[in-house]
C-alpha atoms as a PDB file:
ATOM      1  CA  MET A   1     -36.902 -19.204 -28.283  1.00  0.00           C
ATOM      2  CA  PRO A   2     -34.247 -17.729 -25.964  1.00  0.00           C
ATOM      3  CA  ASN A   3     -32.633 -20.149 -23.529  1.00  0.00           C
ATOM      4  CA  PHE A   4     -32.625 -17.715 -20.651  1.00  0.00           C
ATOM      5  CA  PHE A   5     -33.375 -14.171 -19.576  1.00  0.00           C
ATOM      6  CA  LEU A   6     -31.801 -11.700 -17.224  1.00  0.00           C
ATOM      7  CA  ASN A   7     -34.814 -10.092 -15.584  1.00  0.00           C
ATOM      8  CA  SER A   8     -34.960  -7.084 -13.312  1.00  0.00           C
ATOM      9  CA  LEU A   9     -37.502  -5.171 -11.270  1.00  0.00           C
ATOM     10  CA  PHE A  10     -37.410  -1.391 -10.972  1.00  0.00           C
ATOM     11  CA  TYR A  11     -38.297   0.467  -7.779  1.00  0.00           C
ATOM     12  CA  LYS A  12     -40.887   2.516  -9.645  1.00  0.00           C
ATOM     13  CA  ALA A  13     -42.318   2.464 -13.147  1.00  0.00           C
ATOM     14  CA  LEU A  14     -40.330   4.488 -15.655  1.00  0.00           C
ATOM     15  CA  SER A  15     -41.665   7.916 -16.507  1.00  0.00           C
ATOM     16  CA  ARG A  16     -43.567   8.163 -19.781  1.00  0.00           C
ATOM     17  CA  SER A  17     -42.686  11.805 -20.561  1.00  0.00           C
ATOM     18  CA  GLU A  18     -40.777  12.710 -23.720  1.00  0.00           C
ATOM     19  CA  ASN A  19     -37.931  14.305 -21.747  1.00  0.00           C
ATOM     20  CA  ASP A  20     -37.472  11.166 -19.687  1.00  0.00           C
ATOM     21  CA  LEU A  21     -37.533   9.050 -22.842  1.00  0.00           C
ATOM     22  CA  ASP A  22     -34.349  10.827 -23.948  1.00  0.00           C
ATOM     23  CA  ALA A  23     -32.730   9.896 -20.635  1.00  0.00           C
ATOM     24  CA  GLN A  24     -33.875   6.279 -20.970  1.00  0.00           C
ATOM     25  CA  MET A  25     -32.361   6.002 -24.448  1.00  0.00           C
ATOM     26  CA  GLN A  26     -29.110   7.389 -23.059  1.00  0.00           C
ATOM     27  CA  LEU A  27     -29.157   4.680 -20.389  1.00  0.00           C
ATOM     28  CA  LEU A  28     -29.724   2.046 -23.070  1.00  0.00           C
ATOM     29  CA  GLU A  29     -26.749   3.400 -24.994  1.00  0.00           C
ATOM     30  CA  LYS A  30     -24.608   3.252 -21.844  1.00  0.00           C
ATOM     31  CA  LEU A  31     -25.744  -0.335 -21.306  1.00  0.00           C
ATOM     32  CA  ILE A  32     -24.819  -1.256 -24.890  1.00  0.00           C
ATOM     33  CA  ARG A  33     -21.345   0.267 -24.526  1.00  0.00           C
ATOM     34  CA  GLY A  34     -20.761  -1.786 -21.396  1.00  0.00           C
ATOM     35  CA  LEU A  35     -21.987  -5.032 -22.949  1.00  0.00           C
ATOM     36  CA  GLN A  36     -19.911  -4.658 -26.113  1.00  0.00           C
ATOM     37  CA  VAL A  37     -16.627  -5.194 -24.279  1.00  0.00           C
ATOM     38  CA  ILE A  38     -17.836  -8.434 -22.657  1.00  0.00           C
ATOM     39  CA  ASN A  39     -18.681 -10.780 -25.518  1.00  0.00           C
ATOM     40  CA  PRO A  40     -18.984 -10.554 -29.358  1.00  0.00           C
ATOM     41  CA  VAL A  41     -22.677 -11.511 -29.127  1.00  0.00           C
ATOM     42  CA  PHE A  42     -23.251  -7.951 -27.849  1.00  0.00           C
ATOM     43  CA  ASN A  43     -21.307  -6.141 -30.591  1.00  0.00           C
ATOM     44  CA  ASN A  44     -24.159  -4.816 -32.771  1.00  0.00           C
ATOM     45  CA  TRP A  45     -27.665  -3.644 -31.896  1.00  0.00           C
ATOM     46  CA  TYR A  46     -30.713  -2.637 -33.903  1.00  0.00           C
ATOM     47  CA  VAL A  47     -34.251  -1.501 -33.213  1.00  0.00           C
ATOM     48  CA  ASN A  48     -36.401  -4.623 -33.190  1.00  0.00           C
ATOM     49  CA  ASN A  49     -39.539  -3.558 -35.040  1.00  0.00           C
ATOM     50  CA  ALA A  50     -40.377  -7.148 -36.107  1.00  0.00           C
ATOM     51  CA  LYS A  51     -42.417  -6.130 -39.137  1.00  0.00           C
ATOM     52  CA  ASN A  52     -40.506  -7.952 -41.841  1.00  0.00           C
ATOM     53  CA  SER A  53     -39.576 -11.557 -42.512  1.00  0.00           C
ATOM     54  CA  GLN A  54     -36.014 -10.403 -43.074  1.00  0.00           C
ATOM     55  CA  PRO A  55     -33.947  -9.044 -40.186  1.00  0.00           C
ATOM     56  CA  PRO A  56     -34.745  -5.300 -39.787  1.00  0.00           C
ATOM     57  CA  LEU A  57     -31.245  -3.881 -39.837  1.00  0.00           C
ATOM     58  CA  ASP A  58     -32.117  -0.396 -41.089  1.00  0.00           C
ATOM     59  CA  LEU A  59     -32.251   1.161 -37.605  1.00  0.00           C
ATOM     60  CA  PRO A  60     -28.935   0.594 -35.806  1.00  0.00           C
ATOM     61  CA  PHE A  61     -28.760   1.629 -32.175  1.00  0.00           C
ATOM     62  CA  PRO A  62     -27.555   4.086 -31.102  1.00  0.00           C
ATOM     63  CA  SER A  63     -28.374   6.395 -34.022  1.00  0.00           C
ATOM     64  CA  GLU A  64     -30.518   9.417 -34.798  1.00  0.00           C
ATOM     65  CA  SER A  65     -32.874   7.249 -36.856  1.00  0.00           C
ATOM     66  CA  ALA A  66     -33.363   4.883 -33.906  1.00  0.00           C
ATOM     67  CA  ASP A  67     -34.101   7.819 -31.589  1.00  0.00           C
ATOM     68  CA  LYS A  68     -36.734   9.130 -33.994  1.00  0.00           C
ATOM     69  CA  TYR A  69     -38.310   5.683 -34.268  1.00  0.00           C
ATOM     70  CA  PHE A  70     -38.585   5.265 -30.499  1.00  0.00           C
ATOM     71  CA  LYS A  71     -40.005   8.771 -30.023  1.00  0.00           C
ATOM     72  CA  LEU A  72     -42.702   8.139 -32.618  1.00  0.00           C
ATOM     73  CA  LEU A  73     -43.391   4.729 -31.103  1.00  0.00           C
ATOM     74  CA  LYS A  74     -43.906   6.230 -27.645  1.00  0.00           C
ATOM     75  CA  LYS A  75     -45.965   9.113 -29.020  1.00  0.00           C
ATOM     76  CA  ASN A  76     -48.408   6.625 -30.534  1.00  0.00           C
ATOM     77  CA  ASN A  77     -48.406   4.330 -27.492  1.00  0.00           C
ATOM     78  CA  GLU A  78     -46.535   5.378 -24.355  1.00  0.00           C
ATOM     79  CA  PHE A  79     -46.712   1.845 -22.948  1.00  0.00           C
ATOM     80  CA  LYS A  80     -44.729   0.261 -25.796  1.00  0.00           C
ATOM     81  CA  PRO A  81     -41.353  -1.186 -24.738  1.00  0.00           C
ATOM     82  CA  LEU A  82     -38.050  -0.157 -26.292  1.00  0.00           C
ATOM     83  CA  LEU A  83     -36.868  -3.304 -28.062  1.00  0.00           C
ATOM     84  CA  LEU A  84     -33.372  -3.964 -29.371  1.00  0.00           C
ATOM     85  CA  TRP A  85     -31.787  -7.049 -30.865  1.00  0.00           C
ATOM     86  CA  ASN A  86     -28.348  -7.978 -32.122  1.00  0.00           C
ATOM     87  CA  GLY A  87     -29.301  -8.732 -35.735  1.00  0.00           C
ATOM     88  CA  GLN A  88     -29.037 -12.507 -35.417  1.00  0.00           C
ATOM     89  CA  ILE A  89     -31.940 -14.786 -36.249  1.00  0.00           C
ATOM     90  CA  ASN A  90     -32.600 -18.483 -35.635  1.00  0.00           C
ATOM     91  CA  ASN A  91     -29.149 -19.230 -34.258  1.00  0.00           C
ATOM     92  CA  ASP A  92     -27.242 -19.508 -30.997  1.00  0.00           C
ATOM     93  CA  TYR A  93     -26.067 -15.909 -31.166  1.00  0.00           C
ATOM     94  CA  TYR A  94     -29.484 -14.268 -30.929  1.00  0.00           C
ATOM     95  CA  ALA A  95     -29.844 -11.653 -28.177  1.00  0.00           C
ATOM     96  CA  ASN A  96     -32.585  -9.197 -27.310  1.00  0.00           C
ATOM     97  CA  ILE A  97     -32.980  -6.259 -24.924  1.00  0.00           C
ATOM     98  CA  ALA A  98     -36.367  -4.999 -23.751  1.00  0.00           C
ATOM     99  CA  LEU A  99     -36.774  -1.846 -21.668  1.00  0.00           C
ATOM    100  CA  GLN A 100     -40.318  -1.777 -20.328  1.00  0.00           C
ATOM    101  CA  LEU A 101     -42.054   0.400 -17.759  1.00  0.00           C
ATOM    102  CA  ILE A 102     -41.438  -1.958 -14.857  1.00  0.00           C
ATOM    103  CA  HIS A 103     -38.249  -3.765 -15.795  1.00  0.00           C
ATOM    104  CA  LEU A 104     -35.297  -4.364 -18.094  1.00  0.00           C
ATOM    105  CA  SER A 105     -34.692  -7.805 -19.567  1.00  0.00           C
ATOM    106  CA  ILE A 106     -31.942  -9.301 -21.709  1.00  0.00           C
ATOM    107  CA  SER A 107     -32.622 -12.589 -23.483  1.00  0.00           C
ATOM    108  CA  LEU A 108     -29.961 -14.871 -24.911  1.00  0.00           C
ATOM    109  CA  ASN A 109     -29.772 -18.094 -26.881  1.00  0.00           C
ATOM    110  CA  LYS A 110     -26.050 -18.495 -26.320  1.00  0.00           C
ATOM    111  CA  THR A 111     -24.878 -19.739 -22.933  1.00  0.00           C
ATOM    112  CA  ILE A 112     -22.010 -17.334 -22.334  1.00  0.00           C
ATOM    113  CA  GLN A 113     -19.246 -18.136 -19.880  1.00  0.00           C
ATOM    114  CA  PRO A 114     -20.254 -17.723 -16.219  1.00  0.00           C
ATOM    115  CA  SER A 115     -17.571 -15.052 -15.840  1.00  0.00           C
ATOM    116  CA  ASP A 116     -19.144 -13.113 -18.723  1.00  0.00           C
ATOM    117  CA  LEU A 117     -22.613 -13.529 -17.237  1.00  0.00           C
ATOM    118  CA  ILE A 118     -21.400 -12.020 -13.971  1.00  0.00           C
ATOM    119  CA  LYS A 119     -20.002  -9.087 -15.966  1.00  0.00           C
ATOM    120  CA  VAL A 120     -23.386  -8.609 -17.668  1.00  0.00           C
ATOM    121  CA  PHE A 121     -25.066  -8.455 -14.260  1.00  0.00           C
ATOM    122  CA  SER A 122     -22.453  -5.933 -13.139  1.00  0.00           C
ATOM    123  CA  VAL A 123     -22.954  -3.715 -16.203  1.00  0.00           C
ATOM    124  CA  ILE A 124     -26.727  -3.650 -15.690  1.00  0.00           C
ATOM    125  CA  LEU A 125     -26.157  -2.669 -12.068  1.00  0.00           C
ATOM    126  CA  GLU A 126     -23.884   0.186 -13.155  1.00  0.00           C
ATOM    127  CA  VAL A 127     -26.604   1.647 -15.391  1.00  0.00           C
ATOM    128  CA  PHE A 128     -30.096   0.923 -14.023  1.00  0.00           C
ATOM    129  CA  SER A 129     -31.276   1.243 -10.448  1.00  0.00           C
ATOM    130  CA  VAL A 130     -33.006  -2.059  -9.715  1.00  0.00           C
ATOM    131  CA  ARG A 131     -34.813  -3.614  -6.795  1.00  0.00           C
ATOM    132  CA  TYR A 132     -34.034  -7.154  -7.932  1.00  0.00           C
ATOM    133  CA  LEU A 133     -32.082  -8.868 -10.720  1.00  0.00           C
ATOM    134  CA  TYR A 134     -32.130 -12.584 -11.474  1.00  0.00           C
ATOM    135  CA  LEU A 135     -31.707 -15.283 -14.118  1.00  0.00           C
ATOM    136  CA  SER A 136     -34.885 -16.751 -15.579  1.00  0.00           C
ATOM    137  CA  ASN A 137     -35.292 -19.966 -17.561  1.00  0.00           C
ATOM    138  CA  ASN A 138     -37.523 -23.035 -17.583  1.00  0.00           C
ATOM    139  CA  PHE A 139     -35.508 -24.721 -14.846  1.00  0.00           C
ATOM    140  CA  ASN A 140     -35.781 -21.818 -12.417  1.00  0.00           C
ATOM    141  CA  ASN A 141     -39.476 -21.386 -13.121  1.00  0.00           C
ATOM    142  CA  GLU A 142     -40.211 -25.075 -12.556  1.00  0.00           C
ATOM    143  CA  ILE A 143     -38.440 -25.237  -9.185  1.00  0.00           C
ATOM    144  CA  ARG A 144     -39.902 -21.981  -7.910  1.00  0.00           C
ATOM    145  CA  VAL A 145     -40.909 -22.249  -4.246  1.00  0.00           C
ATOM    146  CA  PHE A 146     -43.268 -19.307  -3.662  1.00  0.00           C
ATOM    147  CA  GLU A 147     -45.679 -17.943  -6.257  1.00  0.00           C
ATOM    148  CA  HIS A 148     -46.084 -14.708  -4.299  1.00  0.00           C
ATOM    149  CA  SER A 149     -42.356 -13.911  -4.515  1.00  0.00           C
ATOM    150  CA  TYR A 150     -40.096 -13.370  -7.503  1.00  0.00           C
ATOM    151  CA  PRO A 151     -38.127 -16.464  -8.578  1.00  0.00           C
ATOM    152  CA  VAL A 152     -34.705 -17.069  -7.073  1.00  0.00           C
ATOM    153  CA  SER A 153     -31.859 -18.176  -9.331  1.00  0.00           C
ATOM    154  CA  SER A 154     -28.303 -19.410  -8.863  1.00  0.00           C
ATOM    155  CA  ILE A 155     -27.172 -15.813  -9.353  1.00  0.00           C
ATOM    156  CA  CYS A 156     -29.255 -12.894  -8.136  1.00  0.00           C
ATOM    157  CA  TYR A 157     -28.860  -9.306  -6.957  1.00  0.00           C
ATOM    158  CA  LEU A 158     -30.407  -7.972  -3.752  1.00  0.00           C
ATOM    159  CA  PRO A 159     -30.498  -4.225  -2.973  1.00  0.00           C
ATOM    160  CA  LYS A 160     -28.851  -4.563   0.414  1.00  0.00           C
ATOM    161  CA  ILE A 161     -25.171  -4.774   1.286  1.00  0.00           C
ATOM    162  CA  LEU A 162     -24.879  -8.156   2.996  1.00  0.00           C
ATOM    163  CA  LYS A 163     -21.452  -8.460   4.563  1.00  0.00           C
ATOM    164  CA  ASP A 164     -22.684 -11.315   6.709  1.00  0.00           C
ATOM    165  CA  ILE A 165     -25.504 -13.457   5.394  1.00  0.00           C
ATOM    166  CA  ALA A 166     -26.607 -16.855   6.650  1.00  0.00           C
ATOM    167  CA  ILE A 167     -27.841 -18.899   3.712  1.00  0.00           C
ATOM    168  CA  PRO A 168     -27.179 -22.621   3.240  1.00  0.00           C
ATOM    169  CA  HIS A 169     -25.291 -22.387  -0.053  1.00  0.00           C
ATOM    170  CA  LEU A 170     -23.028 -19.527  -1.112  1.00  0.00           C
ATOM    171  CA  TYR A 171     -20.176 -19.819  -3.609  1.00  0.00           C
ATOM    172  CA  LYS A 172     -19.415 -16.120  -3.915  1.00  0.00           C
ATOM    173  CA  LYS A 173     -20.849 -12.728  -3.082  1.00  0.00           C
ATOM    174  CA  ILE A 174     -19.964  -9.464  -4.796  1.00  0.00           C
ATOM    175  CA  ILE A 175     -20.689  -6.168  -3.080  1.00  0.00           C
ATOM    176  CA  ILE A 176     -22.183  -3.610  -5.477  1.00  0.00           C
ATOM    177  CA  ASP A 177     -21.611  -0.014  -4.385  1.00  0.00           C
ATOM    178  CA  ASN A 178     -21.962   2.614  -7.100  1.00  0.00           C
ATOM    179  CA  GLU A 179     -23.993   5.720  -7.916  1.00  0.00           C
ATOM    180  CA  VAL A 180     -27.163   3.804  -8.831  1.00  0.00           C
ATOM    181  CA  ASN A 181     -27.089   0.603  -6.756  1.00  0.00           C
ATOM    182  CA  LYS A 182     -25.920  -0.505  -3.344  1.00  0.00           C
ATOM    183  CA  GLY A 183     -26.417  -4.184  -2.700  1.00  0.00           C
ATOM    184  CA  THR A 184     -25.043  -7.684  -3.071  1.00  0.00           C
ATOM    185  CA  LEU A 185     -24.737 -10.072  -5.996  1.00  0.00           C
ATOM    186  CA  LEU A 186     -25.117 -13.624  -4.682  1.00  0.00           C
ATOM    187  CA  ILE A 187     -23.774 -16.657  -6.570  1.00  0.00           C
ATOM    188  CA  PHE A 188     -24.820 -20.021  -5.181  1.00  0.00           C
ATOM    189  CA  ASP A 189     -22.537 -22.315  -7.195  1.00  0.00           C
ATOM    190  CA  GLU A 190     -19.497 -22.149  -9.469  1.00  0.00           C
ATOM    191  CA  ASN A 191     -21.554 -23.688 -12.289  1.00  0.00           C
ATOM    192  CA  ILE A 192     -24.305 -21.079 -12.595  1.00  0.00           C
ATOM    193  CA  TYR A 193     -26.048 -22.993 -15.389  1.00  0.00           C
ATOM    194  CA  ASP A 194     -26.248 -26.345 -13.608  1.00  0.00           C
ATOM    195  CA  GLU A 195     -29.766 -27.841 -13.665  1.00  0.00           C
ATOM    196  CA  SER A 196     -29.119 -30.908 -11.540  1.00  0.00           C
ATOM    197  CA  ASP A 197     -31.114 -32.087  -8.531  1.00  0.00           C
ATOM    198  CA  GLU A 198     -28.292 -30.760  -6.381  1.00  0.00           C
ATOM    199  CA  MET A 199     -28.710 -27.268  -7.849  1.00  0.00           C
ATOM    200  CA  LYS A 200     -32.473 -27.518  -7.358  1.00  0.00           C
ATOM    201  CA  LYS A 201     -31.839 -28.286  -3.688  1.00  0.00           C
ATOM    202  CA  LYS A 202     -29.437 -25.349  -3.329  1.00  0.00           C
ATOM    203  CA  ILE A 203     -31.788 -22.848  -4.949  1.00  0.00           C
ATOM    204  CA  GLN A 204     -34.836 -23.992  -3.015  1.00  0.00           C
ATOM    205  CA  GLU A 205     -33.050 -24.035   0.340  1.00  0.00           C
ATOM    206  CA  ASN A 206     -31.589 -20.591  -0.331  1.00  0.00           C
ATOM    207  CA  THR A 207     -35.023 -19.361  -1.389  1.00  0.00           C
ATOM    208  CA  LEU A 208     -36.471 -20.355   1.974  1.00  0.00           C
ATOM    209  CA  ALA A 209     -33.654 -18.545   3.780  1.00  0.00           C
ATOM    210  CA  LEU A 210     -33.861 -15.372   1.664  1.00  0.00           C
ATOM    211  CA  VAL A 211     -37.643 -15.136   1.924  1.00  0.00           C
ATOM    212  CA  GLU A 212     -37.380 -15.641   5.682  1.00  0.00           C
ATOM    213  CA  LEU A 213     -34.962 -12.672   5.730  1.00  0.00           C
ATOM    214  CA  ASP A 214     -37.501 -10.675   3.663  1.00  0.00           C
ATOM    215  CA  LEU A 215     -34.958 -10.132   0.867  1.00  0.00           C
ATOM    216  CA  ILE A 216     -36.985 -11.387  -2.123  1.00  0.00           C
ATOM    217  CA  PRO A 217     -39.588  -8.910  -3.425  1.00  0.00           C
ATOM    218  CA  SER A 218     -43.238  -9.804  -3.683  1.00  0.00           C
ATOM    219  CA  THR A 219     -44.799 -10.166  -7.124  1.00  0.00           C
ATOM    220  CA  LYS A 220     -47.432  -7.669  -5.956  1.00  0.00           C
ATOM    221  CA  LEU A 221     -46.226  -4.226  -6.960  1.00  0.00           C
ATOM    222  CA  PRO A 222     -46.358  -1.423  -4.371  1.00  0.00           C
ATOM    223  CA  ASP A 223     -49.475   0.760  -4.507  1.00  0.00           C
ATOM    224  CA  ASN A 224     -47.446   3.811  -5.551  1.00  0.00           C
ATOM    225  CA  PHE A 225     -45.381   1.966  -8.169  1.00  0.00           C
ATOM    226  CA  PHE A 226     -46.963   3.770 -11.135  1.00  0.00           C
ATOM    227  CA  GLU A 227     -47.232   7.190  -9.504  1.00  0.00           C
ATOM    228  CA  LYS A 228     -45.175   9.931 -11.117  1.00  0.00           C
END
């Protein structure tokens, strides 16, 4: 089972039309190209059809065969996610990408360097327009403060440029200002992966501050989220 996920929330559900599917696959390809220069774990990607006991490596992505597979998949069930994986199985180098209607997620077994993790966040934010982006694992889920709001992690992206922000614990902030996102990447501590009581305190105190500032989205999706 993956050790952690990078989870996002889109502003609106992705379109389910065939024309928009082509655009979504192009975004996935752009994401892959950006990830490949960060860490070897992201070098190779394949359609994850999970039908065989052996790794399904016959549909590399990007490729014409992968495009055809995804188009047929969506034709049969437009709600199916686009799933990719890096060809590794039962080891520390496993990675998976899932593009679903409401969000993009990347799951990893390997704890990559914090500097690489920040780069992964940055690449996602260069490709997909997101309302929220955060790190998810057992630790963050267990220390969650509000069930009605999305979890807060030691690194998270908020869609607002915050030049001055009053939160109790802030190690670094990175302003994101590109064609698809304008906001701030907040990092609470140098050791992003720390799961100590001190980190629990930092995340929970920052959660209270960020929710008070109305910066963490509600788990209840907007009424028009699925409208075309």
